[in-house]
Amino acid sequence: MSLSVIVIPCRNEPSINKNVRIVADYLSNTNIENIRIVVSTGDRETLNNFYSLEHYIVEFHTFGDSLERSILNGFSYALSLGAEKIVVLDADLCHPINKVPDMLALLNNYDMVVGSRYTRGGKYSSTLFRKFVTVSFKTFASLKGSLMSDPMSGFFGIRASILKSIKFKPITWKTCLEIELYHRSHNKQIKIYEMPISFDGERADGLPKSGSKVAIKLLKDLVTY
């Protein structure tokens, strides 16, 4: 039976233990089998935590000092477990966890499934500044060759086989865009499906992710990619 892994990158998330329990409880009420949750974090307070919930195993690992590095090392660990499908889910639960089963199912037919706020059926509520950052990033991403409606999305699923051929040059936090651009720049085929999601940009806990310094870094990373 194929293994699926949920990678939850985490930084400055005080509610991580509670949120992971919410994810695990939700998954335990679905028909998904053989799945593991890996919390990839740079926060020392989560180091060495481990617990098992029915047939779902939750592991905490400390991987670096950034979300991007946490995602990439989470990928490496998922591959070492023999995962065939990997889903990246924000630790603050802004992403709709009820879409995880659909995302995993769609990976039977697509190389990558991206949760999109801007494809037909998607919804997004946030501040004007964060919307401005998103529109600016989307514009620059399209100039670089992206065809995705929501290149800033951090909620996505991918087949493990796709990751094995990529040499990452990390763009801060926007791993799915880097995967797309890598394939397009190397004339490699990648089948992407954009799944509509409703996204609440306001975080209940933790620190904001899209301040002005982060916005400038995002755009700089993309321009120099």
N, C-alpha and C. Protein backbone atom coordinates (compact mmCIF):
# COMPACT_ATOMS: atom_id res chain seq x y z
N MET A 1 0.85 -1.20 0.00
CA MET A 1 0.00 0.00 0.00
C MET A 1 0.88 1.25 0.00
N SER A 2 0.60 2.19 -0.89
CA SER A 2 1.43 3.38 -1.02
C SER A 2 1.30 4.29 0.21
N LEU A 3 2.39 4.95 0.54
CA LEU A 3 2.43 5.84 1.70
C LEU A 3 2.24 7.30 1.26
N SER A 4 1.40 8.02 1.99
CA SER A 4 1.25 9.46 1.81
C SER A 4 1.76 10.16 3.07
N VAL A 5 2.41 11.30 2.87
CA VAL A 5 2.96 12.05 3.99
C VAL A 5 2.45 13.49 3.94
N ILE A 6 1.96 13.98 5.08
CA ILE A 6 1.59 15.39 5.22
C ILE A 6 2.76 16.09 5.88
N VAL A 7 3.39 17.01 5.16
CA VAL A 7 4.49 17.80 5.71
C VAL A 7 3.93 19.14 6.20
N ILE A 8 4.14 19.42 7.48
CA ILE A 8 3.66 20.67 8.07
C ILE A 8 4.87 21.50 8.48
N PRO A 9 5.29 22.45 7.63
CA PRO A 9 6.41 23.32 8.01
C PRO A 9 5.96 24.30 9.07
N CYS A 10 6.83 24.55 10.03
CA CYS A 10 6.40 25.35 11.18
C CYS A 10 7.50 26.30 11.62
N ARG A 11 7.10 27.55 11.87
CA ARG A 11 8.00 28.53 12.47
C ARG A 11 7.14 29.55 13.22
N ASN A 12 7.46 29.81 14.46
CA ASN A 12 6.73 30.80 15.27
C ASN A 12 5.24 30.47 15.34
N GLU A 13 4.92 29.21 15.60
CA GLU A 13 3.52 28.79 15.68
C GLU A 13 3.24 28.23 17.07
N PRO A 14 2.75 29.06 18.01
CA PRO A 14 2.55 28.59 19.39
C PRO A 14 1.50 27.51 19.54
N SER A 15 0.60 27.39 18.56
CA SER A 15 -0.48 26.40 18.67
C SER A 15 -0.20 25.13 17.88
N ILE A 16 1.07 24.86 17.59
CA ILE A 16 1.39 23.76 16.69
C ILE A 16 0.89 22.42 17.22
N ASN A 17 1.06 22.14 18.50
CA ASN A 17 0.62 20.84 19.01
C ASN A 17 -0.89 20.68 18.90
N LYS A 18 -1.62 21.73 19.25
CA LYS A 18 -3.08 21.68 19.13
C LYS A 18 -3.50 21.53 17.67
N ASN A 19 -2.85 22.28 16.77
CA ASN A 19 -3.24 22.24 15.36
C ASN A 19 -2.94 20.90 14.71
N VAL A 20 -1.81 20.30 15.09
CA VAL A 20 -1.49 18.98 14.55
C VAL A 20 -2.50 17.95 15.02
N ARG A 21 -2.92 18.07 16.25
CA ARG A 21 -3.95 17.15 16.76
C ARG A 21 -5.25 17.30 15.97
N ILE A 22 -5.60 18.55 15.60
CA ILE A 22 -6.80 18.79 14.79
C ILE A 22 -6.67 18.08 13.44
N VAL A 23 -5.50 18.22 12.82
CA VAL A 23 -5.26 17.57 11.52
C VAL A 23 -5.36 16.05 11.66
N ALA A 24 -4.70 15.50 12.68
CA ALA A 24 -4.71 14.05 12.88
C ALA A 24 -6.11 13.54 13.16
N ASP A 25 -6.87 14.27 13.99
CA ASP A 25 -8.25 13.86 14.29
C ASP A 25 -9.10 13.88 13.03
N TYR A 26 -8.89 14.90 12.19
CA TYR A 26 -9.67 14.96 10.94
C TYR A 26 -9.33 13.78 10.04
N LEU A 27 -8.05 13.51 9.87
CA LEU A 27 -7.64 12.41 8.98
C LEU A 27 -8.14 11.07 9.48
N SER A 28 -8.24 10.93 10.80
CA SER A 28 -8.69 9.64 11.36
C SER A 28 -10.15 9.36 11.03
N ASN A 29 -10.87 10.39 10.60
CA ASN A 29 -12.29 10.21 10.23
C ASN A 29 -12.49 10.16 8.73
N THR A 30 -11.41 10.00 7.98
CA THR A 30 -11.50 9.84 6.53
C THR A 30 -11.17 8.39 6.17
N ASN A 31 -11.26 8.08 4.90
CA ASN A 31 -10.93 6.72 4.46
C ASN A 31 -9.50 6.62 3.94
N ILE A 32 -8.67 7.64 4.24
CA ILE A 32 -7.27 7.60 3.82
C ILE A 32 -6.52 6.60 4.67
N GLU A 33 -5.76 5.74 4.03
CA GLU A 33 -4.99 4.75 4.76
C GLU A 33 -3.50 4.96 4.50
N ASN A 34 -2.69 4.50 5.43
CA ASN A 34 -1.23 4.55 5.33
C ASN A 34 -0.74 5.98 5.09
N ILE A 35 -0.92 6.81 6.09
CA ILE A 35 -0.52 8.21 6.01
C ILE A 35 0.26 8.57 7.25
N ARG A 36 1.24 9.44 7.09
CA ARG A 36 2.04 9.89 8.22
C ARG A 36 2.12 11.41 8.20
N ILE A 37 2.13 12.02 9.37
CA ILE A 37 2.24 13.47 9.50
C ILE A 37 3.63 13.79 10.01
N VAL A 38 4.35 14.65 9.29
CA VAL A 38 5.68 15.06 9.69
C VAL A 38 5.68 16.57 9.90
N VAL A 39 5.94 17.01 11.11
CA VAL A 39 6.04 18.43 11.41
C VAL A 39 7.51 18.83 11.32
N SER A 40 7.82 19.66 10.34
CA SER A 40 9.19 20.07 10.08
C SER A 40 9.37 21.49 10.61
N THR A 41 10.18 21.64 11.65
CA THR A 41 10.19 22.91 12.37
C THR A 41 11.59 23.34 12.78
N GLY A 42 11.75 24.63 12.98
CA GLY A 42 12.99 25.17 13.53
C GLY A 42 12.80 25.59 14.97
N ASP A 43 11.63 25.32 15.54
CA ASP A 43 11.31 25.73 16.90
C ASP A 43 11.74 24.66 17.91
N ARG A 44 12.60 25.03 18.82
CA ARG A 44 13.16 24.05 19.75
C ARG A 44 12.11 23.44 20.68
N GLU A 45 11.03 24.18 20.93
CA GLU A 45 10.05 23.65 21.89
C GLU A 45 9.33 22.42 21.36
N THR A 46 9.41 22.17 20.06
CA THR A 46 8.76 20.98 19.51
C THR A 46 9.75 19.84 19.29
N LEU A 47 11.01 20.06 19.59
CA LEU A 47 12.02 19.05 19.34
C LEU A 47 11.76 17.76 20.12
N ASN A 48 11.91 16.64 19.39
CA ASN A 48 11.80 15.30 19.99
C ASN A 48 10.40 14.93 20.46
N ASN A 49 9.39 15.70 20.12
CA ASN A 49 8.03 15.28 20.43
C ASN A 49 7.59 14.21 19.44
N PHE A 50 6.80 13.28 19.91
CA PHE A 50 6.37 12.18 19.05
C PHE A 50 5.13 11.55 19.68
N TYR A 51 4.14 11.28 18.89
CA TYR A 51 3.02 10.51 19.42
C TYR A 51 2.30 9.79 18.28
N SER A 52 1.55 8.78 18.65
CA SER A 52 0.83 7.98 17.68
C SER A 52 -0.66 8.10 17.94
N LEU A 53 -1.43 8.29 16.88
CA LEU A 53 -2.88 8.39 17.00
C LEU A 53 -3.48 7.33 16.08
N GLU A 54 -3.98 6.25 16.67
CA GLU A 54 -4.49 5.13 15.89
C GLU A 54 -3.43 4.71 14.88
N HIS A 55 -3.73 4.73 13.56
CA HIS A 55 -2.74 4.32 12.58
C HIS A 55 -2.02 5.53 11.98
N TYR A 56 -2.17 6.70 12.62
CA TYR A 56 -1.47 7.89 12.15
C TYR A 56 -0.31 8.19 13.10
N ILE A 57 0.87 8.28 12.54
CA ILE A 57 2.05 8.58 13.34
C ILE A 57 2.44 10.03 13.09
N VAL A 58 2.62 10.77 14.15
CA VAL A 58 3.01 12.18 14.06
C VAL A 58 4.43 12.32 14.60
N GLU A 59 5.30 12.91 13.81
CA GLU A 59 6.69 13.10 14.22
C GLU A 59 7.05 14.57 14.12
N PHE A 60 7.84 15.04 15.07
CA PHE A 60 8.37 16.40 15.06
C PHE A 60 9.88 16.34 14.81
N HIS A 61 10.35 17.12 13.85
CA HIS A 61 11.77 17.18 13.55
C HIS A 61 12.20 18.64 13.41
N THR A 62 13.39 18.94 13.84
CA THR A 62 13.93 20.28 13.69
C THR A 62 14.77 20.33 12.42
N PHE A 63 14.31 21.15 11.48
CA PHE A 63 14.98 21.25 10.19
C PHE A 63 15.22 22.71 9.84
N GLY A 64 16.34 23.28 10.24
CA GLY A 64 16.71 24.60 9.75
C GLY A 64 15.95 25.76 10.37
N ASP A 65 16.21 26.94 9.81
CA ASP A 65 15.72 28.18 10.41
C ASP A 65 14.74 28.93 9.51
N SER A 66 14.19 28.29 8.50
CA SER A 66 13.24 28.96 7.63
C SER A 66 12.17 27.97 7.19
N LEU A 67 11.02 28.50 6.79
CA LEU A 67 9.95 27.62 6.33
C LEU A 67 10.34 26.90 5.04
N GLU A 68 11.03 27.61 4.15
CA GLU A 68 11.45 26.97 2.90
C GLU A 68 12.35 25.78 3.18
N ARG A 69 13.32 25.96 4.05
CA ARG A 69 14.22 24.86 4.39
C ARG A 69 13.46 23.73 5.09
N SER A 70 12.49 24.11 5.90
CA SER A 70 11.68 23.10 6.57
C SER A 70 10.91 22.26 5.57
N ILE A 71 10.36 22.92 4.54
CA ILE A 71 9.62 22.18 3.51
C ILE A 71 10.55 21.22 2.77
N LEU A 72 11.70 21.71 2.33
CA LEU A 72 12.61 20.87 1.54
C LEU A 72 13.14 19.70 2.36
N ASN A 73 13.47 19.94 3.63
CA ASN A 73 13.94 18.84 4.46
C ASN A 73 12.80 17.90 4.83
N GLY A 74 11.59 18.47 4.92
CA GLY A 74 10.42 17.61 5.10
C GLY A 74 10.23 16.69 3.92
N PHE A 75 10.46 17.22 2.71
CA PHE A 75 10.41 16.39 1.50
C PHE A 75 11.43 15.25 1.60
N SER A 76 12.66 15.60 1.97
CA SER A 76 13.72 14.59 2.04
C SER A 76 13.36 13.49 3.02
N TYR A 77 12.81 13.88 4.16
CA TYR A 77 12.43 12.87 5.15
C TYR A 77 11.28 12.02 4.64
N ALA A 78 10.30 12.65 3.97
CA ALA A 78 9.18 11.89 3.41
C ALA A 78 9.67 10.89 2.38
N LEU A 79 10.63 11.30 1.56
CA LEU A 79 11.19 10.38 0.56
C LEU A 79 11.92 9.23 1.23
N SER A 80 12.60 9.51 2.35
CA SER A 80 13.32 8.45 3.06
C SER A 80 12.36 7.42 3.65
N LEU A 81 11.12 7.85 3.92
CA LEU A 81 10.09 6.93 4.43
C LEU A 81 9.48 6.09 3.32
N GLY A 82 9.75 6.49 2.05
CA GLY A 82 9.16 5.78 0.92
C GLY A 82 7.84 6.35 0.47
N ALA A 83 7.59 7.63 0.77
CA ALA A 83 6.33 8.26 0.39
C ALA A 83 6.18 8.33 -1.13
N GLU A 84 4.96 8.14 -1.60
CA GLU A 84 4.65 8.31 -3.02
C GLU A 84 3.90 9.60 -3.28
N LYS A 85 3.17 10.09 -2.26
CA LYS A 85 2.46 11.36 -2.37
C LYS A 85 2.79 12.21 -1.15
N ILE A 86 2.97 13.51 -1.37
CA ILE A 86 3.31 14.42 -0.27
C ILE A 86 2.41 15.65 -0.39
N VAL A 87 1.84 16.06 0.74
CA VAL A 87 1.03 17.28 0.80
C VAL A 87 1.67 18.23 1.80
N VAL A 88 1.80 19.51 1.41
CA VAL A 88 2.32 20.55 2.31
C VAL A 88 1.14 21.35 2.84
N LEU A 89 1.07 21.47 4.17
CA LEU A 89 -0.05 22.11 4.85
C LEU A 89 0.47 23.08 5.89
N ASP A 90 -0.01 24.32 5.88
CA ASP A 90 0.45 25.33 6.84
C ASP A 90 0.13 24.93 8.27
N ALA A 91 1.07 25.25 9.17
CA ALA A 91 0.90 24.91 10.58
C ALA A 91 -0.18 25.74 11.27
N ASP A 92 -0.53 26.89 10.69
CA ASP A 92 -1.54 27.74 11.33
C ASP A 92 -2.97 27.36 10.97
N LEU A 93 -3.11 26.34 10.11
CA LEU A 93 -4.42 25.84 9.66
C LEU A 93 -5.23 26.88 8.87
N CYS A 94 -4.54 27.83 8.24
CA CYS A 94 -5.23 28.71 7.29
C CYS A 94 -5.68 27.93 6.06
N HIS A 95 -4.97 26.85 5.78
CA HIS A 95 -5.35 26.02 4.64
C HIS A 95 -6.48 25.07 5.02
N PRO A 96 -7.41 24.81 4.11
CA PRO A 96 -8.56 23.94 4.42
C PRO A 96 -8.16 22.46 4.46
N ILE A 97 -8.11 21.90 5.67
CA ILE A 97 -7.67 20.51 5.79
C ILE A 97 -8.68 19.54 5.17
N ASN A 98 -9.92 19.99 4.98
CA ASN A 98 -10.91 19.11 4.35
C ASN A 98 -10.63 18.88 2.88
N LYS A 99 -9.67 19.62 2.32
CA LYS A 99 -9.29 19.43 0.93
C LYS A 99 -8.16 18.42 0.75
N VAL A 100 -7.57 17.99 1.85
CA VAL A 100 -6.44 17.05 1.76
C VAL A 100 -6.83 15.74 1.08
N PRO A 101 -7.96 15.11 1.43
CA PRO A 101 -8.33 13.87 0.73
C PRO A 101 -8.50 14.06 -0.77
N ASP A 102 -9.13 15.17 -1.18
CA ASP A 102 -9.29 15.44 -2.61
C ASP A 102 -7.94 15.64 -3.29
N MET A 103 -7.05 16.33 -2.60
CA MET A 103 -5.73 16.59 -3.17
C MET A 103 -4.97 15.28 -3.40
N LEU A 104 -5.03 14.39 -2.41
CA LEU A 104 -4.35 13.10 -2.55
C LEU A 104 -4.97 12.28 -3.68
N ALA A 105 -6.28 12.33 -3.82
CA ALA A 105 -6.95 11.58 -4.89
C ALA A 105 -6.56 12.14 -6.26
N LEU A 106 -6.47 13.45 -6.38
CA LEU A 106 -6.12 14.07 -7.66
C LEU A 106 -4.69 13.75 -8.08
N LEU A 107 -3.84 13.45 -7.11
CA LEU A 107 -2.45 13.10 -7.44
C LEU A 107 -2.35 11.76 -8.16
N ASN A 108 -3.44 11.03 -8.24
CA ASN A 108 -3.45 9.81 -9.06
C ASN A 108 -3.38 10.17 -10.54
N ASN A 109 -3.81 11.40 -10.89
CA ASN A 109 -3.87 11.82 -12.29
C ASN A 109 -2.99 13.02 -12.62
N TYR A 110 -2.45 13.67 -11.59
CA TYR A 110 -1.63 14.87 -11.82
C TYR A 110 -0.31 14.76 -11.06
N ASP A 111 0.70 15.46 -11.57
CA ASP A 111 2.01 15.47 -10.91
C ASP A 111 2.00 16.37 -9.68
N MET A 112 1.25 17.48 -9.77
CA MET A 112 1.18 18.42 -8.66
C MET A 112 -0.22 19.02 -8.62
N VAL A 113 -0.77 19.14 -7.43
CA VAL A 113 -2.09 19.74 -7.21
C VAL A 113 -1.89 20.93 -6.29
N VAL A 114 -2.32 22.11 -6.75
CA VAL A 114 -2.08 23.35 -6.01
C VAL A 114 -3.41 23.95 -5.58
N GLY A 115 -3.53 24.25 -4.29
CA GLY A 115 -4.71 24.94 -3.80
C GLY A 115 -4.68 26.39 -4.25
N SER A 116 -5.68 26.82 -5.01
CA SER A 116 -5.66 28.16 -5.59
C SER A 116 -6.83 29.01 -5.09
N ARG A 117 -6.49 30.23 -4.70
CA ARG A 117 -7.50 31.20 -4.30
C ARG A 117 -8.12 31.90 -5.49
N TYR A 118 -7.45 31.81 -6.65
CA TYR A 118 -7.83 32.65 -7.78
C TYR A 118 -8.37 31.90 -8.98
N THR A 119 -8.34 30.57 -8.94
CA THR A 119 -8.98 29.83 -9.99
C THR A 119 -10.49 29.87 -9.77
N ARG A 120 -11.27 29.49 -10.76
CA ARG A 120 -12.73 29.55 -10.62
C ARG A 120 -13.19 28.72 -9.42
N GLY A 121 -13.99 29.34 -8.57
CA GLY A 121 -14.49 28.68 -7.38
C GLY A 121 -13.69 28.97 -6.12
N GLY A 122 -12.50 29.60 -6.28
CA GLY A 122 -11.67 29.92 -5.13
C GLY A 122 -12.09 31.24 -4.49
N LYS A 123 -11.77 31.40 -3.20
CA LYS A 123 -12.11 32.62 -2.47
C LYS A 123 -10.94 33.03 -1.58
N TYR A 124 -10.81 34.35 -1.37
CA TYR A 124 -9.69 34.86 -0.60
C TYR A 124 -10.09 36.12 0.14
N SER A 125 -9.85 36.15 1.45
CA SER A 125 -10.11 37.35 2.23
C SER A 125 -8.85 37.69 3.01
N SER A 126 -8.40 38.95 2.89
CA SER A 126 -7.21 39.38 3.61
C SER A 126 -7.12 40.90 3.55
N THR A 127 -5.99 41.44 4.02
CA THR A 127 -5.79 42.88 4.01
C THR A 127 -5.43 43.36 2.61
N LEU A 128 -5.60 44.65 2.36
CA LEU A 128 -5.25 45.22 1.06
C LEU A 128 -3.76 45.05 0.79
N PHE A 129 -2.92 45.19 1.83
CA PHE A 129 -1.48 45.06 1.62
C PHE A 129 -1.12 43.65 1.16
N ARG A 130 -1.68 42.65 1.83
CA ARG A 130 -1.35 41.28 1.45
C ARG A 130 -1.89 40.94 0.07
N LYS A 131 -3.02 41.50 -0.29
CA LYS A 131 -3.54 41.30 -1.64
C LYS A 131 -2.62 41.96 -2.66
N PHE A 132 -2.09 43.14 -2.33
CA PHE A 132 -1.15 43.82 -3.22
C PHE A 132 0.11 42.98 -3.42
N VAL A 133 0.64 42.41 -2.32
CA VAL A 133 1.82 41.56 -2.42
C VAL A 133 1.55 40.37 -3.33
N THR A 134 0.38 39.76 -3.16
CA THR A 134 0.02 38.58 -3.95
C THR A 134 -0.08 38.92 -5.43
N VAL A 135 -0.75 40.03 -5.76
CA VAL A 135 -0.90 40.43 -7.16
C VAL A 135 0.46 40.76 -7.78
N SER A 136 1.32 41.45 -7.02
CA SER A 136 2.66 41.79 -7.51
C SER A 136 3.47 40.53 -7.77
N PHE A 137 3.44 39.60 -6.81
CA PHE A 137 4.18 38.35 -6.96
C PHE A 137 3.67 37.56 -8.15
N LYS A 138 2.35 37.52 -8.31
CA LYS A 138 1.75 36.79 -9.42
C LYS A 138 2.20 37.38 -10.75
N THR A 139 2.28 38.71 -10.83
CA THR A 139 2.70 39.37 -12.06
C THR A 139 4.14 39.00 -12.40
N PHE A 140 5.04 39.10 -11.43
CA PHE A 140 6.44 38.75 -11.66
C PHE A 140 6.59 37.26 -12.00
N ALA A 141 5.80 36.42 -11.33
CA ALA A 141 5.87 34.98 -11.59
C ALA A 141 5.47 34.66 -13.02
N SER A 142 4.44 35.34 -13.52
CA SER A 142 4.01 35.10 -14.90
C SER A 142 5.08 35.54 -15.89
N LEU A 143 5.81 36.62 -15.56
CA LEU A 143 6.89 37.07 -16.43
C LEU A 143 8.04 36.07 -16.45
N LYS A 144 8.17 35.30 -15.38
CA LYS A 144 9.19 34.26 -15.30
C LYS A 144 8.74 32.96 -15.98
N GLY A 145 7.47 32.90 -16.36
CA GLY A 145 6.98 31.72 -17.07
C GLY A 145 5.93 30.91 -16.36
N SER A 146 5.48 31.37 -15.19
CA SER A 146 4.47 30.61 -14.46
C SER A 146 3.11 30.74 -15.14
N LEU A 147 2.39 29.63 -15.19
CA LEU A 147 1.04 29.63 -15.73
C LEU A 147 -0.01 29.46 -14.64
N MET A 148 0.43 29.40 -13.38
CA MET A 148 -0.50 29.18 -12.29
C MET A 148 -1.23 30.47 -11.91
N SER A 149 -2.48 30.33 -11.52
CA SER A 149 -3.26 31.50 -11.10
C SER A 149 -2.87 31.97 -9.71
N ASP A 150 -2.25 31.08 -8.91
CA ASP A 150 -1.90 31.42 -7.53
C ASP A 150 -0.50 30.91 -7.19
N PRO A 151 0.53 31.54 -7.77
CA PRO A 151 1.90 31.04 -7.56
C PRO A 151 2.41 31.23 -6.13
N MET A 152 1.70 32.01 -5.30
CA MET A 152 2.11 32.18 -3.91
C MET A 152 1.54 31.10 -3.00
N SER A 153 0.79 30.18 -3.55
CA SER A 153 0.15 29.17 -2.72
C SER A 153 1.17 28.33 -1.97
N GLY A 154 0.90 28.09 -0.69
CA GLY A 154 1.73 27.21 0.10
C GLY A 154 1.06 25.89 0.40
N PHE A 155 -0.13 25.70 -0.18
CA PHE A 155 -0.91 24.48 0.03
C PHE A 155 -0.91 23.69 -1.26
N PHE A 156 -0.16 22.59 -1.28
CA PHE A 156 -0.05 21.82 -2.51
C PHE A 156 0.33 20.38 -2.22
N GLY A 157 0.03 19.52 -3.19
CA GLY A 157 0.42 18.13 -3.11
C GLY A 157 1.26 17.78 -4.32
N ILE A 158 2.16 16.84 -4.17
CA ILE A 158 3.06 16.48 -5.27
C ILE A 158 3.40 15.00 -5.22
N ARG A 159 3.59 14.43 -6.39
CA ARG A 159 4.10 13.06 -6.45
C ARG A 159 5.57 13.05 -6.08
N ALA A 160 5.96 12.10 -5.29
CA ALA A 160 7.34 12.03 -4.84
C ALA A 160 8.31 11.88 -6.01
N SER A 161 7.89 11.21 -7.05
CA SER A 161 8.77 10.98 -8.20
C SER A 161 9.21 12.29 -8.85
N ILE A 162 8.38 13.33 -8.76
CA ILE A 162 8.71 14.63 -9.35
C ILE A 162 9.87 15.27 -8.60
N LEU A 163 9.91 15.09 -7.29
CA LEU A 163 10.93 15.75 -6.48
C LEU A 163 12.32 15.19 -6.70
N LYS A 164 12.40 13.94 -7.11
CA LYS A 164 13.69 13.27 -7.20
C LYS A 164 14.60 13.84 -8.28
N SER A 165 14.02 14.57 -9.24
CA SER A 165 14.81 15.07 -10.37
C SER A 165 15.12 16.57 -10.26
N ILE A 166 14.72 17.21 -9.15
CA ILE A 166 14.85 18.66 -9.03
C ILE A 166 16.05 19.03 -8.16
N LYS A 167 16.85 19.99 -8.65
CA LYS A 167 17.90 20.59 -7.83
C LYS A 167 17.39 21.96 -7.41
N PHE A 168 16.99 22.08 -6.16
CA PHE A 168 16.31 23.29 -5.71
C PHE A 168 17.28 24.46 -5.52
N LYS A 169 16.80 25.63 -5.93
CA LYS A 169 17.44 26.91 -5.62
C LYS A 169 16.35 27.70 -4.91
N PRO A 170 16.23 27.53 -3.60
CA PRO A 170 15.01 27.93 -2.90
C PRO A 170 14.57 29.37 -3.10
N ILE A 171 13.28 29.52 -3.49
CA ILE A 171 12.60 30.80 -3.42
C ILE A 171 11.90 30.82 -2.07
N THR A 172 12.04 31.91 -1.35
CA THR A 172 11.54 31.94 0.02
C THR A 172 10.08 31.52 0.11
N TRP A 173 9.84 30.33 0.67
CA TRP A 173 8.52 29.82 1.04
C TRP A 173 7.65 29.41 -0.13
N LYS A 174 8.04 29.65 -1.38
CA LYS A 174 7.14 29.39 -2.51
C LYS A 174 7.62 28.19 -3.32
N THR A 175 7.63 27.05 -2.67
CA THR A 175 8.23 25.85 -3.24
C THR A 175 7.49 25.36 -4.46
N CYS A 176 6.16 25.43 -4.47
CA CYS A 176 5.42 24.90 -5.63
C CYS A 176 5.72 25.72 -6.88
N LEU A 177 5.96 27.03 -6.74
CA LEU A 177 6.33 27.85 -7.89
C LEU A 177 7.70 27.45 -8.41
N GLU A 178 8.62 27.21 -7.49
CA GLU A 178 9.96 26.79 -7.93
C GLU A 178 9.90 25.47 -8.69
N ILE A 179 9.06 24.56 -8.23
CA ILE A 179 8.91 23.28 -8.94
C ILE A 179 8.38 23.51 -10.34
N GLU A 180 7.37 24.38 -10.46
CA GLU A 180 6.81 24.67 -11.79
C GLU A 180 7.86 25.32 -12.69
N LEU A 181 8.55 26.36 -12.19
CA LEU A 181 9.52 27.07 -13.01
C LEU A 181 10.69 26.19 -13.41
N TYR A 182 11.09 25.29 -12.51
CA TYR A 182 12.18 24.36 -12.85
C TYR A 182 11.81 23.53 -14.07
N HIS A 183 10.61 22.98 -14.06
CA HIS A 183 10.18 22.14 -15.17
C HIS A 183 10.02 22.93 -16.46
N ARG A 184 9.45 24.10 -16.37
CA ARG A 184 9.25 24.90 -17.58
C ARG A 184 10.58 25.39 -18.15
N SER A 185 11.52 25.78 -17.29
CA SER A 185 12.81 26.27 -17.77
C SER A 185 13.68 25.16 -18.35
N HIS A 186 13.41 23.91 -17.94
CA HIS A 186 14.16 22.77 -18.47
C HIS A 186 13.37 21.99 -19.52
N ASN A 187 12.28 22.59 -19.97
CA ASN A 187 11.42 21.96 -20.99
C ASN A 187 10.98 20.56 -20.59
N LYS A 188 10.67 20.40 -19.32
CA LYS A 188 10.17 19.12 -18.82
C LYS A 188 8.67 19.23 -18.59
N GLN A 189 7.97 18.17 -18.86
CA GLN A 189 6.52 18.16 -18.69
C GLN A 189 6.16 18.00 -17.21
N ILE A 190 5.19 18.78 -16.78
CA ILE A 190 4.63 18.61 -15.44
C ILE A 190 3.13 18.92 -15.53
N LYS A 191 2.35 17.98 -15.07
CA LYS A 191 0.89 18.10 -15.15
C LYS A 191 0.38 18.67 -13.84
N ILE A 192 -0.12 19.91 -13.89
CA ILE A 192 -0.55 20.63 -12.68
C ILE A 192 -2.06 20.85 -12.71
N TYR A 193 -2.68 20.62 -11.58
CA TYR A 193 -4.11 20.92 -11.42
C TYR A 193 -4.26 21.95 -10.31
N GLU A 194 -5.00 23.02 -10.59
CA GLU A 194 -5.27 24.03 -9.57
C GLU A 194 -6.66 23.79 -8.98
N MET A 195 -6.66 23.45 -7.72
CA MET A 195 -7.89 23.12 -7.01
C MET A 195 -8.40 24.35 -6.27
N PRO A 196 -9.65 24.78 -6.51
CA PRO A 196 -10.16 25.98 -5.84
C PRO A 196 -10.28 25.77 -4.34
N ILE A 197 -9.81 26.77 -3.58
CA ILE A 197 -9.93 26.73 -2.13
C ILE A 197 -10.43 28.08 -1.61
N SER A 198 -11.01 28.06 -0.44
CA SER A 198 -11.35 29.29 0.27
C SER A 198 -10.27 29.49 1.32
N PHE A 199 -9.68 30.67 1.31
CA PHE A 199 -8.52 30.92 2.15
C PHE A 199 -8.75 32.14 3.03
N ASP A 200 -8.56 31.96 4.33
CA ASP A 200 -8.65 33.07 5.28
C ASP A 200 -7.25 33.51 5.61
N GLY A 201 -6.87 34.68 5.12
CA GLY A 201 -5.51 35.15 5.30
C GLY A 201 -5.19 35.64 6.69
N GLU A 202 -6.17 35.74 7.56
CA GLU A 202 -5.91 36.21 8.92
C GLU A 202 -5.58 35.03 9.82
N ARG A 203 -4.45 35.12 10.50
CA ARG A 203 -3.99 34.04 11.37
C ARG A 203 -4.54 34.20 12.77
N ALA A 204 -5.02 33.11 13.33
CA ALA A 204 -5.54 33.16 14.70
C ALA A 204 -4.41 33.23 15.73
N ASP A 205 -3.29 32.58 15.42
CA ASP A 205 -2.16 32.54 16.34
C ASP A 205 -0.88 32.74 15.55
N GLY A 206 0.21 32.89 16.27
CA GLY A 206 1.51 32.97 15.62
C GLY A 206 1.79 34.36 15.09
N LEU A 207 2.90 34.47 14.35
CA LEU A 207 3.33 35.76 13.84
C LEU A 207 2.96 35.88 12.37
N PRO A 208 2.67 37.10 11.89
CA PRO A 208 2.30 37.29 10.50
C PRO A 208 3.45 36.94 9.57
N LYS A 209 3.09 36.37 8.42
CA LYS A 209 4.11 35.90 7.49
C LYS A 209 4.38 36.87 6.36
N SER A 210 3.51 37.82 6.10
CA SER A 210 3.63 38.66 4.91
C SER A 210 3.81 40.13 5.25
N GLY A 211 4.80 40.43 6.11
CA GLY A 211 5.14 41.81 6.38
C GLY A 211 5.90 42.41 5.22
N SER A 212 6.25 43.69 5.33
CA SER A 212 6.90 44.38 4.21
C SER A 212 8.28 43.80 3.90
N LYS A 213 9.06 43.41 4.94
CA LYS A 213 10.37 42.83 4.70
C LYS A 213 10.27 41.51 3.95
N VAL A 214 9.28 40.70 4.35
CA VAL A 214 9.07 39.43 3.67
C VAL A 214 8.64 39.65 2.22
N ALA A 215 7.76 40.63 2.00
CA ALA A 215 7.27 40.93 0.65
C ALA A 215 8.43 41.32 -0.26
N ILE A 216 9.33 42.17 0.24
CA ILE A 216 10.49 42.60 -0.55
C ILE A 216 11.39 41.42 -0.86
N LYS A 217 11.59 40.54 0.15
CA LYS A 217 12.44 39.36 -0.06
C LYS A 217 11.82 38.43 -1.09
N LEU A 218 10.52 38.24 -1.03
CA LEU A 218 9.84 37.39 -1.99
C LEU A 218 10.06 37.87 -3.41
N LEU A 219 9.82 39.16 -3.63
CA LEU A 219 9.96 39.73 -4.98
C LEU A 219 11.40 39.70 -5.45
N LYS A 220 12.35 39.98 -4.54
CA LYS A 220 13.76 39.94 -4.90
C LYS A 220 14.19 38.54 -5.31
N ASP A 221 13.75 37.53 -4.53
CA ASP A 221 14.08 36.15 -4.86
C ASP A 221 13.57 35.78 -6.24
N LEU A 222 12.35 36.22 -6.55
CA LEU A 222 11.74 35.85 -7.82
C LEU A 222 12.42 36.55 -8.99
N VAL A 223 12.72 37.84 -8.83
CA VAL A 223 13.37 38.60 -9.90
C VAL A 223 14.73 38.03 -10.23
N THR A 224 15.48 37.57 -9.20
CA THR A 224 16.84 37.08 -9.43
C THR A 224 16.89 35.58 -9.69
N TYR A 225 15.74 34.92 -9.74
CA TYR A 225 15.72 33.46 -9.95
C TYR A 225 16.19 33.11 -11.36
